[in-house]
Amino acid sequence: MVYVFLADGFEEIEALTPIDMLKRAGIPVKSVSINKDETVIGAHGIKVIADQTIDNTPIEDIDMVVLPGGLPGADNLRENQKVQMFIDKANEQNKYICAICAAPRILGEKGLLDGKKATCYPGFEKYLKGADLSQSGCVVDGNFITAMGMGKSIDFSAALITALKDADTADKIKKAIFA
């Protein structure tokens, strides 16, 4: 299962684009609120009802963890101990861990990007400890996928699909949405 974690202040496009494109690819995905209930408010005041809460999300069934950026959303994810547990479990199992915009900071501060190619929203590079910083909009290195920001959400989502399925499926979806 792909889990897209949502915290108040998340960047809406960075969360909803991957969810939409993964569903188009037939990949099981769930949006997960880190709040007490399913309601999460994005950085631009858009209210989203997540599929489930983190308290009702099994940690054993991870194929991919997706961390949207946006502020203070990425900070709220970083400070949540249950999100940290999901990241740790995915890392232990060599599952995909994906972060966009400000969210790669979470991985960098944990030391997970040490020796890995990675990118992030400009200005957050200092948090990507040990990473081989890239100016590419989206970077895949092993089980880590990082992207710069909202404008790279389609490329980021296509990279997620390629990782879990194949490049042909990702290309077909991009073509269907005129990306």
N, C-alpha and C. Protein backbone atom coordinates (compact mmCIF):
# COMPACT_ATOMS: atom_id res chain seq x y z
N MET A 1 0.84 -1.18 0.00
CA MET A 1 0.00 0.00 0.00
C MET A 1 0.89 1.25 0.00
N VAL A 2 0.46 2.25 -0.75
CA VAL A 2 1.12 3.56 -0.73
C VAL A 2 0.36 4.43 0.28
N TYR A 3 1.11 5.02 1.20
CA TYR A 3 0.53 5.93 2.16
C TYR A 3 1.03 7.34 1.90
N VAL A 4 0.09 8.26 1.65
CA VAL A 4 0.40 9.68 1.48
C VAL A 4 -0.03 10.36 2.77
N PHE A 5 0.94 10.82 3.56
CA PHE A 5 0.65 11.40 4.86
C PHE A 5 0.29 12.87 4.73
N LEU A 6 -0.80 13.26 5.39
CA LEU A 6 -1.30 14.63 5.33
C LEU A 6 -1.31 15.25 6.72
N ALA A 7 -0.69 16.41 6.80
CA ALA A 7 -0.68 17.18 8.05
C ALA A 7 -1.23 18.56 7.73
N ASP A 8 -1.85 19.20 8.70
CA ASP A 8 -2.33 20.57 8.48
C ASP A 8 -1.18 21.41 7.94
N GLY A 9 -1.48 22.17 6.87
CA GLY A 9 -0.48 23.00 6.23
C GLY A 9 0.24 22.33 5.07
N PHE A 10 -0.27 21.16 4.62
CA PHE A 10 0.36 20.48 3.49
C PHE A 10 0.09 21.22 2.19
N GLU A 11 1.00 21.09 1.23
CA GLU A 11 0.82 21.67 -0.11
C GLU A 11 -0.15 20.75 -0.87
N GLU A 12 -1.31 21.27 -1.18
CA GLU A 12 -2.38 20.45 -1.74
C GLU A 12 -1.98 19.73 -3.03
N ILE A 13 -1.37 20.43 -3.96
CA ILE A 13 -1.01 19.83 -5.25
C ILE A 13 0.01 18.71 -5.06
N GLU A 14 0.94 18.89 -4.14
CA GLU A 14 1.99 17.89 -3.91
C GLU A 14 1.44 16.61 -3.28
N ALA A 15 0.29 16.67 -2.67
CA ALA A 15 -0.35 15.49 -2.10
C ALA A 15 -1.38 14.89 -3.04
N LEU A 16 -2.22 15.74 -3.62
CA LEU A 16 -3.33 15.22 -4.41
C LEU A 16 -2.91 14.73 -5.80
N THR A 17 -1.89 15.33 -6.39
CA THR A 17 -1.42 14.86 -7.70
C THR A 17 -0.91 13.42 -7.61
N PRO A 18 -0.04 13.09 -6.65
CA PRO A 18 0.38 11.69 -6.56
C PRO A 18 -0.79 10.74 -6.29
N ILE A 19 -1.70 11.12 -5.42
CA ILE A 19 -2.85 10.26 -5.14
C ILE A 19 -3.62 10.00 -6.42
N ASP A 20 -3.94 11.06 -7.16
CA ASP A 20 -4.70 10.94 -8.40
C ASP A 20 -3.96 10.06 -9.42
N MET A 21 -2.69 10.36 -9.66
CA MET A 21 -1.96 9.62 -10.69
C MET A 21 -1.71 8.16 -10.30
N LEU A 22 -1.45 7.90 -9.03
CA LEU A 22 -1.30 6.51 -8.59
C LEU A 22 -2.59 5.74 -8.78
N LYS A 23 -3.72 6.35 -8.48
CA LYS A 23 -5.01 5.69 -8.69
C LYS A 23 -5.25 5.42 -10.18
N ARG A 24 -4.89 6.37 -11.05
CA ARG A 24 -5.02 6.16 -12.49
C ARG A 24 -4.18 4.97 -12.96
N ALA A 25 -3.06 4.74 -12.27
CA ALA A 25 -2.18 3.63 -12.61
C ALA A 25 -2.62 2.30 -11.99
N GLY A 26 -3.69 2.35 -11.21
CA GLY A 26 -4.19 1.13 -10.58
C GLY A 26 -3.36 0.70 -9.37
N ILE A 27 -2.64 1.63 -8.79
CA ILE A 27 -1.79 1.33 -7.63
C ILE A 27 -2.57 1.68 -6.36
N PRO A 28 -2.68 0.74 -5.42
CA PRO A 28 -3.40 1.03 -4.17
C PRO A 28 -2.73 2.15 -3.39
N VAL A 29 -3.52 3.16 -3.04
CA VAL A 29 -3.01 4.33 -2.33
C VAL A 29 -4.06 4.80 -1.33
N LYS A 30 -3.59 5.23 -0.18
CA LYS A 30 -4.46 5.79 0.85
C LYS A 30 -3.88 7.10 1.34
N SER A 31 -4.74 8.10 1.48
CA SER A 31 -4.33 9.33 2.14
C SER A 31 -4.53 9.12 3.64
N VAL A 32 -3.54 9.59 4.41
CA VAL A 32 -3.53 9.32 5.85
C VAL A 32 -3.39 10.63 6.61
N SER A 33 -4.41 10.98 7.37
CA SER A 33 -4.37 12.16 8.23
C SER A 33 -3.57 11.85 9.48
N ILE A 34 -2.68 12.77 9.86
CA ILE A 34 -1.98 12.59 11.13
C ILE A 34 -2.76 13.23 12.28
N ASN A 35 -3.91 13.82 11.96
CA ASN A 35 -4.78 14.42 12.98
C ASN A 35 -5.60 13.34 13.67
N LYS A 36 -6.36 13.74 14.66
CA LYS A 36 -7.24 12.79 15.37
C LYS A 36 -8.38 12.29 14.50
N ASP A 37 -8.77 13.11 13.50
CA ASP A 37 -9.81 12.68 12.57
C ASP A 37 -9.29 12.81 11.14
N GLU A 38 -10.14 12.50 10.18
CA GLU A 38 -9.72 12.47 8.78
C GLU A 38 -9.59 13.84 8.13
N THR A 39 -10.09 14.89 8.75
CA THR A 39 -10.06 16.22 8.15
C THR A 39 -8.68 16.86 8.30
N VAL A 40 -8.16 17.34 7.16
CA VAL A 40 -6.85 18.00 7.14
C VAL A 40 -7.00 19.28 6.33
N ILE A 41 -6.41 20.36 6.78
CA ILE A 41 -6.49 21.65 6.09
C ILE A 41 -5.15 21.94 5.43
N GLY A 42 -5.19 22.14 4.11
CA GLY A 42 -3.97 22.41 3.36
C GLY A 42 -3.42 23.80 3.62
N ALA A 43 -2.26 24.05 3.06
CA ALA A 43 -1.57 25.33 3.24
C ALA A 43 -2.37 26.51 2.70
N HIS A 44 -3.28 26.23 1.76
CA HIS A 44 -4.07 27.29 1.15
C HIS A 44 -5.53 27.23 1.55
N GLY A 45 -5.78 26.59 2.70
CA GLY A 45 -7.12 26.56 3.28
C GLY A 45 -8.06 25.55 2.65
N ILE A 46 -7.56 24.67 1.81
CA ILE A 46 -8.42 23.65 1.20
C ILE A 46 -8.57 22.49 2.17
N LYS A 47 -9.82 22.18 2.49
CA LYS A 47 -10.12 21.10 3.43
C LYS A 47 -10.18 19.78 2.66
N VAL A 48 -9.45 18.80 3.13
CA VAL A 48 -9.41 17.47 2.52
C VAL A 48 -9.82 16.44 3.56
N ILE A 49 -10.61 15.49 3.14
CA ILE A 49 -10.99 14.39 4.00
C ILE A 49 -10.13 13.18 3.60
N ALA A 50 -9.20 12.81 4.46
CA ALA A 50 -8.31 11.68 4.19
C ALA A 50 -9.07 10.37 4.25
N ASP A 51 -8.49 9.34 3.67
CA ASP A 51 -9.10 8.01 3.69
C ASP A 51 -9.13 7.43 5.10
N GLN A 52 -8.10 7.76 5.89
CA GLN A 52 -8.02 7.19 7.23
C GLN A 52 -7.07 8.03 8.08
N THR A 53 -7.07 7.75 9.37
CA THR A 53 -6.13 8.43 10.26
C THR A 53 -4.90 7.54 10.45
N ILE A 54 -3.83 8.15 10.91
CA ILE A 54 -2.60 7.40 11.14
C ILE A 54 -2.81 6.35 12.23
N ASP A 55 -3.70 6.62 13.19
CA ASP A 55 -3.98 5.65 14.25
C ASP A 55 -4.65 4.40 13.72
N ASN A 56 -5.29 4.50 12.55
CA ASN A 56 -5.99 3.36 11.94
C ASN A 56 -5.25 2.83 10.72
N THR A 57 -3.95 3.06 10.65
CA THR A 57 -3.16 2.66 9.49
C THR A 57 -2.15 1.60 9.90
N PRO A 58 -2.25 0.41 9.27
CA PRO A 58 -1.31 -0.66 9.64
C PRO A 58 0.10 -0.37 9.13
N ILE A 59 1.06 -0.51 10.02
CA ILE A 59 2.45 -0.22 9.66
C ILE A 59 3.10 -1.39 8.91
N GLU A 60 2.48 -2.56 8.94
CA GLU A 60 3.06 -3.74 8.32
C GLU A 60 2.93 -3.77 6.80
N ASP A 61 2.05 -2.98 6.24
CA ASP A 61 1.66 -3.12 4.83
C ASP A 61 2.17 -1.96 3.97
N ILE A 62 3.44 -1.62 4.07
CA ILE A 62 3.98 -0.45 3.38
C ILE A 62 4.68 -0.87 2.09
N ASP A 63 4.27 -0.26 0.98
CA ASP A 63 5.03 -0.35 -0.27
C ASP A 63 5.78 0.96 -0.52
N MET A 64 5.16 2.07 -0.06
CA MET A 64 5.73 3.39 -0.31
C MET A 64 5.15 4.38 0.69
N VAL A 65 6.02 5.27 1.18
CA VAL A 65 5.61 6.38 2.02
C VAL A 65 5.83 7.66 1.21
N VAL A 66 4.81 8.51 1.15
CA VAL A 66 4.89 9.78 0.41
C VAL A 66 4.66 10.93 1.39
N LEU A 67 5.62 11.87 1.37
CA LEU A 67 5.58 13.02 2.26
C LEU A 67 5.47 14.30 1.44
N PRO A 68 4.28 14.91 1.39
CA PRO A 68 4.14 16.18 0.68
C PRO A 68 4.82 17.31 1.45
N GLY A 69 5.17 18.35 0.74
CA GLY A 69 5.76 19.52 1.38
C GLY A 69 4.68 20.50 1.80
N GLY A 70 5.04 21.76 1.71
CA GLY A 70 4.16 22.81 2.21
C GLY A 70 4.51 23.09 3.65
N LEU A 71 4.31 24.34 4.04
CA LEU A 71 4.58 24.72 5.42
C LEU A 71 3.34 25.32 6.05
N PRO A 72 3.02 24.92 7.23
CA PRO A 72 3.84 24.13 8.15
C PRO A 72 3.64 22.62 8.02
N GLY A 73 3.02 22.16 6.94
CA GLY A 73 2.74 20.72 6.79
C GLY A 73 3.94 19.83 6.96
N ALA A 74 5.04 20.15 6.26
CA ALA A 74 6.24 19.31 6.36
C ALA A 74 6.80 19.32 7.78
N ASP A 75 6.72 20.46 8.44
CA ASP A 75 7.17 20.53 9.84
C ASP A 75 6.28 19.66 10.73
N ASN A 76 4.98 19.69 10.48
CA ASN A 76 4.06 18.88 11.28
C ASN A 76 4.32 17.38 11.07
N LEU A 77 4.64 16.99 9.83
CA LEU A 77 5.00 15.59 9.57
C LEU A 77 6.28 15.24 10.32
N ARG A 78 7.27 16.11 10.25
CA ARG A 78 8.57 15.87 10.87
C ARG A 78 8.44 15.67 12.39
N GLU A 79 7.53 16.40 13.00
CA GLU A 79 7.38 16.36 14.45
C GLU A 79 6.49 15.21 14.93
N ASN A 80 5.85 14.50 14.03
CA ASN A 80 4.93 13.43 14.40
C ASN A 80 5.69 12.11 14.55
N GLN A 81 5.68 11.56 15.74
CA GLN A 81 6.43 10.33 16.03
C GLN A 81 5.91 9.13 15.24
N LYS A 82 4.61 9.08 14.97
CA LYS A 82 4.07 7.96 14.21
C LYS A 82 4.52 8.02 12.75
N VAL A 83 4.59 9.23 12.17
CA VAL A 83 5.14 9.37 10.82
C VAL A 83 6.59 8.90 10.82
N GLN A 84 7.33 9.28 11.83
CA GLN A 84 8.73 8.84 11.94
C GLN A 84 8.81 7.31 11.99
N MET A 85 7.89 6.67 12.67
CA MET A 85 7.87 5.20 12.74
C MET A 85 7.63 4.59 11.36
N PHE A 86 6.71 5.19 10.58
CA PHE A 86 6.44 4.68 9.23
C PHE A 86 7.66 4.83 8.34
N ILE A 87 8.34 5.97 8.45
CA ILE A 87 9.56 6.19 7.66
C ILE A 87 10.61 5.15 8.05
N ASP A 88 10.80 4.94 9.34
CA ASP A 88 11.79 3.97 9.82
C ASP A 88 11.47 2.56 9.33
N LYS A 89 10.21 2.18 9.43
CA LYS A 89 9.79 0.83 8.99
C LYS A 89 10.01 0.67 7.50
N ALA A 90 9.63 1.67 6.71
CA ALA A 90 9.84 1.60 5.26
C ALA A 90 11.32 1.49 4.94
N ASN A 91 12.14 2.23 5.65
CA ASN A 91 13.58 2.20 5.43
C ASN A 91 14.16 0.83 5.79
N GLU A 92 13.73 0.27 6.92
CA GLU A 92 14.19 -1.06 7.35
C GLU A 92 13.87 -2.12 6.30
N GLN A 93 12.72 -1.96 5.63
CA GLN A 93 12.26 -2.94 4.65
C GLN A 93 12.68 -2.57 3.23
N ASN A 94 13.50 -1.53 3.10
CA ASN A 94 13.96 -1.05 1.79
C ASN A 94 12.79 -0.72 0.86
N LYS A 95 11.72 -0.18 1.44
CA LYS A 95 10.56 0.27 0.66
C LYS A 95 10.81 1.70 0.22
N TYR A 96 10.00 2.17 -0.72
CA TYR A 96 10.18 3.52 -1.24
C TYR A 96 9.77 4.57 -0.22
N ILE A 97 10.61 5.60 -0.12
CA ILE A 97 10.34 6.75 0.74
C ILE A 97 10.48 7.98 -0.15
N CYS A 98 9.39 8.73 -0.28
CA CYS A 98 9.32 9.79 -1.27
C CYS A 98 8.92 11.10 -0.60
N ALA A 99 9.61 12.17 -0.98
CA ALA A 99 9.35 13.47 -0.35
C ALA A 99 9.54 14.57 -1.38
N ILE A 100 8.69 15.59 -1.29
CA ILE A 100 8.71 16.69 -2.25
C ILE A 100 8.73 18.03 -1.52
N CYS A 101 9.37 19.00 -2.12
CA CYS A 101 9.41 20.39 -1.65
C CYS A 101 10.20 20.52 -0.36
N ALA A 102 9.57 20.86 0.74
CA ALA A 102 10.25 20.99 2.03
C ALA A 102 10.38 19.65 2.74
N ALA A 103 9.63 18.64 2.32
CA ALA A 103 9.61 17.36 3.03
C ALA A 103 10.92 16.56 2.94
N PRO A 104 11.75 16.68 1.90
CA PRO A 104 13.03 15.96 1.94
C PRO A 104 13.86 16.32 3.18
N ARG A 105 13.58 17.46 3.77
CA ARG A 105 14.25 17.86 5.02
C ARG A 105 14.10 16.78 6.08
N ILE A 106 12.92 16.18 6.14
CA ILE A 106 12.64 15.14 7.13
C ILE A 106 13.63 13.99 6.96
N LEU A 107 13.85 13.59 5.71
CA LEU A 107 14.75 12.47 5.43
C LEU A 107 16.20 12.87 5.68
N GLY A 108 16.53 14.10 5.29
CA GLY A 108 17.88 14.58 5.49
C GLY A 108 18.26 14.67 6.95
N GLU A 109 17.35 15.16 7.76
CA GLU A 109 17.64 15.30 9.19
C GLU A 109 17.77 13.95 9.88
N LYS A 110 17.16 12.92 9.30
CA LYS A 110 17.28 11.56 9.84
C LYS A 110 18.57 10.89 9.36
N GLY A 111 19.28 11.53 8.42
CA GLY A 111 20.50 10.94 7.87
C GLY A 111 20.24 9.92 6.79
N LEU A 112 19.01 9.82 6.31
CA LEU A 112 18.66 8.80 5.32
C LEU A 112 19.17 9.12 3.92
N LEU A 113 19.49 10.37 3.67
CA LEU A 113 19.95 10.77 2.32
C LEU A 113 21.47 10.81 2.22
N ASP A 114 22.16 10.39 3.26
CA ASP A 114 23.62 10.40 3.25
C ASP A 114 24.14 9.55 2.09
N GLY A 115 24.89 10.19 1.19
CA GLY A 115 25.43 9.50 0.02
C GLY A 115 24.44 9.29 -1.11
N LYS A 116 23.22 9.79 -0.97
CA LYS A 116 22.18 9.64 -2.00
C LYS A 116 22.04 10.94 -2.78
N LYS A 117 21.68 10.83 -4.04
CA LYS A 117 21.31 12.01 -4.82
C LYS A 117 19.92 12.43 -4.36
N ALA A 118 19.73 13.73 -4.18
CA ALA A 118 18.44 14.22 -3.71
C ALA A 118 18.27 15.67 -4.11
N THR A 119 17.02 16.11 -4.09
CA THR A 119 16.69 17.50 -4.36
C THR A 119 15.61 17.94 -3.39
N CYS A 120 15.35 19.24 -3.35
CA CYS A 120 14.34 19.79 -2.45
C CYS A 120 14.01 21.21 -2.91
N TYR A 121 13.09 21.83 -2.21
CA TYR A 121 12.76 23.22 -2.48
C TYR A 121 13.99 24.07 -2.17
N PRO A 122 14.34 25.00 -3.07
CA PRO A 122 15.52 25.84 -2.83
C PRO A 122 15.48 26.52 -1.47
N GLY A 123 16.58 26.43 -0.76
CA GLY A 123 16.69 26.98 0.58
C GLY A 123 16.68 25.91 1.66
N PHE A 124 16.24 24.69 1.30
CA PHE A 124 16.20 23.60 2.26
C PHE A 124 17.38 22.65 2.12
N GLU A 125 18.29 22.96 1.21
CA GLU A 125 19.44 22.08 0.96
C GLU A 125 20.27 21.82 2.22
N LYS A 126 20.36 22.82 3.08
CA LYS A 126 21.19 22.68 4.29
C LYS A 126 20.72 21.55 5.20
N TYR A 127 19.48 21.13 5.04
CA TYR A 127 18.93 20.06 5.87
C TYR A 127 19.19 18.67 5.29
N LEU A 128 19.62 18.60 4.05
CA LEU A 128 19.81 17.30 3.40
C LEU A 128 21.22 16.79 3.70
N LYS A 129 21.47 16.50 4.95
CA LYS A 129 22.79 16.13 5.46
C LYS A 129 23.37 14.95 4.69
N GLY A 130 24.56 15.18 4.11
CA GLY A 130 25.27 14.12 3.42
C GLY A 130 24.77 13.79 2.05
N ALA A 131 23.72 14.45 1.59
CA ALA A 131 23.16 14.16 0.27
C ALA A 131 24.02 14.75 -0.83
N ASP A 132 24.01 14.08 -1.97
CA ASP A 132 24.61 14.61 -3.20
C ASP A 132 23.51 15.46 -3.84
N LEU A 133 23.57 16.76 -3.62
CA LEU A 133 22.49 17.65 -4.04
C LEU A 133 22.40 17.76 -5.55
N SER A 134 21.18 17.72 -6.05
CA SER A 134 20.91 17.80 -7.48
C SER A 134 20.02 19.00 -7.76
N GLN A 135 20.19 19.59 -8.93
CA GLN A 135 19.31 20.68 -9.37
C GLN A 135 18.17 20.14 -10.22
N SER A 136 18.09 18.82 -10.38
CA SER A 136 16.99 18.22 -11.13
C SER A 136 15.69 18.42 -10.38
N GLY A 137 14.60 18.49 -11.12
CA GLY A 137 13.29 18.68 -10.51
C GLY A 137 12.82 17.49 -9.73
N CYS A 138 13.25 16.29 -10.14
CA CYS A 138 12.86 15.05 -9.47
C CYS A 138 14.04 14.10 -9.56
N VAL A 139 14.37 13.46 -8.44
CA VAL A 139 15.55 12.59 -8.37
C VAL A 139 15.15 11.25 -7.76
N VAL A 140 15.60 10.18 -8.40
CA VAL A 140 15.41 8.83 -7.86
C VAL A 140 16.79 8.27 -7.55
N ASP A 141 16.99 7.82 -6.33
CA ASP A 141 18.23 7.15 -5.95
C ASP A 141 17.88 6.00 -5.01
N GLY A 142 17.94 4.80 -5.55
CA GLY A 142 17.55 3.62 -4.77
C GLY A 142 16.09 3.70 -4.40
N ASN A 143 15.80 3.56 -3.11
CA ASN A 143 14.40 3.59 -2.67
C ASN A 143 13.95 4.99 -2.24
N PHE A 144 14.75 6.01 -2.60
CA PHE A 144 14.38 7.39 -2.26
C PHE A 144 14.04 8.17 -3.53
N ILE A 145 12.91 8.87 -3.47
CA ILE A 145 12.48 9.75 -4.56
C ILE A 145 12.21 11.11 -3.95
N THR A 146 12.89 12.13 -4.47
CA THR A 146 12.71 13.49 -3.97
C THR A 146 12.41 14.42 -5.14
N ALA A 147 11.71 15.51 -4.85
CA ALA A 147 11.38 16.48 -5.88
C ALA A 147 11.37 17.88 -5.29
N MET A 148 11.54 18.89 -6.18
CA MET A 148 11.71 20.28 -5.77
C MET A 148 10.46 20.96 -5.23
N GLY A 149 9.33 20.73 -5.86
CA GLY A 149 8.15 21.45 -5.40
C GLY A 149 6.94 21.22 -6.28
N MET A 150 5.91 21.99 -6.01
CA MET A 150 4.61 21.83 -6.64
C MET A 150 4.69 21.71 -8.16
N GLY A 151 5.52 22.52 -8.80
CA GLY A 151 5.63 22.49 -10.26
C GLY A 151 6.18 21.19 -10.80
N LYS A 152 6.75 20.37 -9.93
CA LYS A 152 7.30 19.07 -10.33
C LYS A 152 6.42 17.91 -9.86
N SER A 153 5.20 18.20 -9.45
CA SER A 153 4.32 17.18 -8.91
C SER A 153 3.98 16.08 -9.91
N ILE A 154 3.83 16.43 -11.17
CA ILE A 154 3.52 15.41 -12.18
C ILE A 154 4.75 14.52 -12.41
N ASP A 155 5.92 15.12 -12.53
CA ASP A 155 7.14 14.31 -12.69
C ASP A 155 7.38 13.43 -11.46
N PHE A 156 7.16 13.98 -10.29
CA PHE A 156 7.29 13.24 -9.04
C PHE A 156 6.33 12.04 -9.05
N SER A 157 5.09 12.30 -9.40
CA SER A 157 4.08 11.23 -9.43
C SER A 157 4.43 10.17 -10.46
N ALA A 158 4.93 10.59 -11.61
CA ALA A 158 5.34 9.64 -12.64
C ALA A 158 6.50 8.77 -12.13
N ALA A 159 7.41 9.36 -11.37
CA ALA A 159 8.51 8.58 -10.80
C ALA A 159 8.00 7.54 -9.80
N LEU A 160 6.97 7.89 -9.04
CA LEU A 160 6.38 6.94 -8.10
C LEU A 160 5.77 5.77 -8.85
N ILE A 161 5.04 6.07 -9.94
CA ILE A 161 4.43 5.02 -10.76
C ILE A 161 5.49 4.14 -11.39
N THR A 162 6.53 4.76 -11.92
CA THR A 162 7.62 3.99 -12.53
C THR A 162 8.25 3.05 -11.50
N ALA A 163 8.45 3.54 -10.29
CA ALA A 163 9.06 2.72 -9.24
C ALA A 163 8.19 1.52 -8.88
N LEU A 164 6.88 1.71 -8.80
CA LEU A 164 5.99 0.65 -8.35
C LEU A 164 5.44 -0.21 -9.48
N LYS A 165 5.42 0.33 -10.70
CA LYS A 165 4.84 -0.40 -11.82
C LYS A 165 5.84 -0.44 -12.97
N ASP A 166 5.84 0.60 -13.81
CA ASP A 166 6.80 0.68 -14.91
C ASP A 166 6.70 2.04 -15.60
N ALA A 167 7.72 2.36 -16.39
CA ALA A 167 7.80 3.66 -17.07
C ALA A 167 6.72 3.80 -18.14
N ASP A 168 6.35 2.71 -18.79
CA ASP A 168 5.31 2.78 -19.83
C ASP A 168 3.98 3.27 -19.24
N THR A 169 3.62 2.72 -18.09
CA THR A 169 2.38 3.15 -17.44
C THR A 169 2.45 4.63 -17.07
N ALA A 170 3.58 5.04 -16.51
CA ALA A 170 3.75 6.45 -16.14
C ALA A 170 3.65 7.34 -17.37
N ASP A 171 4.29 6.95 -18.46
CA ASP A 171 4.24 7.73 -19.70
C ASP A 171 2.84 7.81 -20.28
N LYS A 172 2.10 6.72 -20.22
CA LYS A 172 0.71 6.71 -20.73
C LYS A 172 -0.16 7.68 -19.94
N ILE A 173 0.00 7.68 -18.64
CA ILE A 173 -0.79 8.59 -17.80
C ILE A 173 -0.40 10.04 -18.07
N LYS A 174 0.88 10.31 -18.17
CA LYS A 174 1.33 11.68 -18.47
C LYS A 174 0.76 12.14 -19.82
N LYS A 175 0.76 11.25 -20.78
CA LYS A 175 0.24 11.58 -22.11
C LYS A 175 -1.28 11.84 -22.04
N ALA A 176 -1.99 11.03 -21.27
CA ALA A 176 -3.44 11.18 -21.14
C ALA A 176 -3.84 12.49 -20.49
N ILE A 177 -2.96 13.03 -19.63
CA ILE A 177 -3.29 14.30 -18.97
C ILE A 177 -2.57 15.49 -19.62
N PHE A 178 -1.96 15.21 -20.76
CA PHE A 178 -1.26 16.25 -21.54
C PHE A 178 -0.09 16.87 -20.79
N ALA A 179 0.62 16.05 -20.02
CA ALA A 179 1.79 16.53 -19.29
C ALA A 179 3.04 16.37 -20.14
